[in-house]
Amino acid sequence: MNIGNAIKQLRLKRCLNQGDFASKIGITQAYLSQIERGHKKPSMEVLEYMAKDLNLPLPIMFWFGVELEDIEETKREAYKMLKPSIDALIGSLF
């Protein structure tokens, strides 16, 4: 799970810089940078603030944090086939 990278990509997609986004959710830019680089793990409360500010349900943020290695080996082929369609559907909704 790489939730930090997912947060970064979602933030960039909405054209938000780190400083502005961090300020909106009540954390420092340095802490956000550490989260996005995978050096710190945000609390559930911080994740909820992030999801709210990004106008996304929290589970969607988690979806984008899933990596192939997180998927059981026997289910990876199905995941690889479904992921592009699911990503496109989510993108069209949010």
C-alpha atoms as a PDB file:
ATOM      1  CA  MET A   1       0.000   0.000   0.000  1.00  0.00           C
ATOM      2  CA  ASN A   2       1.423   3.336  -1.018  1.00  0.00           C
ATOM      3  CA  ILE A   3      -1.119   5.803   0.323  1.00  0.00           C
ATOM      4  CA  GLY A   4       1.446   8.604   0.230  1.00  0.00           C
ATOM      5  CA  ASN A   5       1.872   8.345  -3.528  1.00  0.00           C
ATOM      6  CA  ALA A   6      -1.892   8.146  -3.973  1.00  0.00           C
ATOM      7  CA  ILE A   7      -2.316  11.337  -1.955  1.00  0.00           C
ATOM      8  CA  LYS A   8       0.343  13.082  -4.007  1.00  0.00           C
ATOM      9  CA  GLN A   9      -1.205  12.049  -7.329  1.00  0.00           C
ATOM     10  CA  LEU A  10      -4.702  13.053  -6.228  1.00  0.00           C
ATOM     11  CA  ARG A  11      -3.397  16.384  -4.943  1.00  0.00           C
ATOM     12  CA  LEU A  12      -1.536  17.084  -8.190  1.00  0.00           C
ATOM     13  CA  LYS A  13      -4.563  16.116 -10.275  1.00  0.00           C
ATOM     14  CA  ARG A  14      -6.446  18.881  -8.478  1.00  0.00           C
ATOM     15  CA  CYS A  15      -3.577  21.353  -9.052  1.00  0.00           C
ATOM     16  CA  LEU A  16      -2.935  21.815  -5.338  1.00  0.00           C
ATOM     17  CA  ASN A  17       0.570  22.547  -4.118  1.00  0.00           C
ATOM     18  CA  GLN A  18       1.830  20.908  -0.943  1.00  0.00           C
ATOM     19  CA  GLY A  19       1.770  24.070   1.136  1.00  0.00           C
ATOM     20  CA  ASP A  20      -1.814  24.996   0.318  1.00  0.00           C
ATOM     21  CA  PHE A  21      -3.108  21.446   0.736  1.00  0.00           C
ATOM     22  CA  ALA A  22      -1.272  20.959   4.039  1.00  0.00           C
ATOM     23  CA  SER A  23      -2.601  24.254   5.354  1.00  0.00           C
ATOM     24  CA  LYS A  24      -6.186  23.348   4.402  1.00  0.00           C
ATOM     25  CA  ILE A  25      -6.036  20.093   6.334  1.00  0.00           C
ATOM     26  CA  GLY A  26      -4.185  21.471   9.339  1.00  0.00           C
ATOM     27  CA  ILE A  27      -0.738  19.893   8.967  1.00  0.00           C
ATOM     28  CA  THR A  28       2.647  21.280   7.996  1.00  0.00           C
ATOM     29  CA  GLN A  29       4.012  21.107   4.481  1.00  0.00           C
ATOM     30  CA  ALA A  30       6.998  19.163   5.845  1.00  0.00           C
ATOM     31  CA  TYR A  31       4.712  16.521   7.375  1.00  0.00           C
ATOM     32  CA  LEU A  32       2.732  16.225   4.125  1.00  0.00           C
ATOM     33  CA  SER A  33       5.974  15.801   2.211  1.00  0.00           C
ATOM     34  CA  GLN A  34       6.998  12.973   4.543  1.00  0.00           C
ATOM     35  CA  ILE A  35       3.608  11.303   4.080  1.00  0.00           C
ATOM     36  CA  GLU A  36       3.809  11.553   0.294  1.00  0.00           C
ATOM     37  CA  ARG A  37       7.326  10.075   0.293  1.00  0.00           C
ATOM     38  CA  GLY A  38       6.234   7.203   2.534  1.00  0.00           C
ATOM     39  CA  HIS A  39       8.373   8.295   5.497  1.00  0.00           C
ATOM     40  CA  LYS A  40       5.380   8.961   7.767  1.00  0.00           C
ATOM     41  CA  LYS A  41       2.001   7.297   8.109  1.00  0.00           C
ATOM     42  CA  PRO A  42      -0.904   9.681   8.593  1.00  0.00           C
ATOM     43  CA  SER A  43      -3.522   9.089  11.242  1.00  0.00           C
ATOM     44  CA  MET A  44      -7.025   8.130  10.203  1.00  0.00           C
ATOM     45  CA  GLU A  45      -8.144  11.621  11.200  1.00  0.00           C
ATOM     46  CA  VAL A  46      -5.634  13.225   8.815  1.00  0.00           C
ATOM     47  CA  LEU A  47      -6.664  10.822   6.046  1.00  0.00           C
ATOM     48  CA  GLU A  48     -10.298  11.776   6.589  1.00  0.00           C
ATOM     49  CA  TYR A  49      -9.441  15.493   6.327  1.00  0.00           C
ATOM     50  CA  MET A  50      -7.484  14.810   3.145  1.00  0.00           C
ATOM     51  CA  ALA A  51     -10.305  12.833   1.562  1.00  0.00           C
ATOM     52  CA  LYS A  52     -12.809  15.514   2.483  1.00  0.00           C
ATOM     53  CA  ASP A  53     -10.657  18.282   1.021  1.00  0.00           C
ATOM     54  CA  LEU A  54     -10.074  16.221  -2.137  1.00  0.00           C
ATOM     55  CA  ASN A  55     -13.828  15.627  -2.308  1.00  0.00           C
ATOM     56  CA  LEU A  56     -13.375  11.849  -2.339  1.00  0.00           C
ATOM     57  CA  PRO A  57     -14.708   9.024  -0.218  1.00  0.00           C
ATOM     58  CA  LEU A  58     -11.852   7.689   1.909  1.00  0.00           C
ATOM     59  CA  PRO A  59     -12.031   4.180   0.378  1.00  0.00           C
ATOM     60  CA  ILE A  60     -11.315   5.707  -3.049  1.00  0.00           C
ATOM     61  CA  MET A  61      -8.093   7.179  -1.682  1.00  0.00           C
ATOM     62  CA  PHE A  62      -7.181   3.735  -0.374  1.00  0.00           C
ATOM     63  CA  TRP A  63      -7.983   2.174  -3.772  1.00  0.00           C
ATOM     64  CA  PHE A  64      -5.406   4.401  -5.438  1.00  0.00           C
ATOM     65  CA  GLY A  65      -2.864   3.408  -2.793  1.00  0.00           C
ATOM     66  CA  VAL A  66      -3.109  -0.313  -3.587  1.00  0.00           C
ATOM     67  CA  GLU A  67      -0.065  -1.749  -5.338  1.00  0.00           C
ATOM     68  CA  LEU A  68       0.191  -5.004  -7.259  1.00  0.00           C
ATOM     69  CA  GLU A  69       2.291  -6.532  -4.466  1.00  0.00           C
ATOM     70  CA  ASP A  70      -0.624  -5.963  -2.075  1.00  0.00           C
ATOM     71  CA  ILE A  71      -2.811  -8.337  -4.071  1.00  0.00           C
ATOM     72  CA  GLU A  72      -2.764 -12.061  -3.421  1.00  0.00           C
ATOM     73  CA  GLU A  73      -0.668 -13.652  -6.154  1.00  0.00           C
ATOM     74  CA  THR A  74      -3.519 -15.817  -7.455  1.00  0.00           C
ATOM     75  CA  LYS A  75      -5.670 -12.690  -7.949  1.00  0.00           C
ATOM     76  CA  ARG A  76      -3.116 -10.398  -9.577  1.00  0.00           C
ATOM     77  CA  GLU A  77      -4.128 -11.125 -13.167  1.00  0.00           C
ATOM     78  CA  ALA A  78      -7.746 -10.226 -12.413  1.00  0.00           C
ATOM     79  CA  TYR A  79      -6.600  -7.074 -10.626  1.00  0.00           C
ATOM     80  CA  LYS A  80      -4.441  -6.040 -13.588  1.00  0.00           C
ATOM     81  CA  MET A  81      -7.386  -6.542 -15.961  1.00  0.00           C
ATOM     82  CA  LEU A  82      -9.895  -4.682 -13.791  1.00  0.00           C
ATOM     83  CA  LYS A  83      -7.765  -1.821 -12.464  1.00  0.00           C
ATOM     84  CA  PRO A  84      -7.777   0.363 -15.623  1.00  0.00           C
ATOM     85  CA  SER A  85     -11.568   0.159 -15.915  1.00  0.00           C
ATOM     86  CA  ILE A  86     -12.116   0.857 -12.244  1.00  0.00           C
ATOM     87  CA  ASP A  87      -9.668   3.778 -12.333  1.00  0.00           C
ATOM     88  CA  ALA A  88     -11.485   5.219 -15.361  1.00  0.00           C
ATOM     89  CA  LEU A  89     -14.875   4.822 -13.686  1.00  0.00           C
ATOM     90  CA  ILE A  90     -13.654   6.507 -10.503  1.00  0.00           C
ATOM     91  CA  GLY A  91     -12.055   9.265 -12.568  1.00  0.00           C
ATOM     92  CA  SER A  92     -15.329   9.952 -14.338  1.00  0.00           C
ATOM     93  CA  LEU A  93     -17.189  10.189 -11.014  1.00  0.00           C
ATOM     94  CA  PHE A  94     -14.678  12.192  -9.012  1.00  0.00           C
END
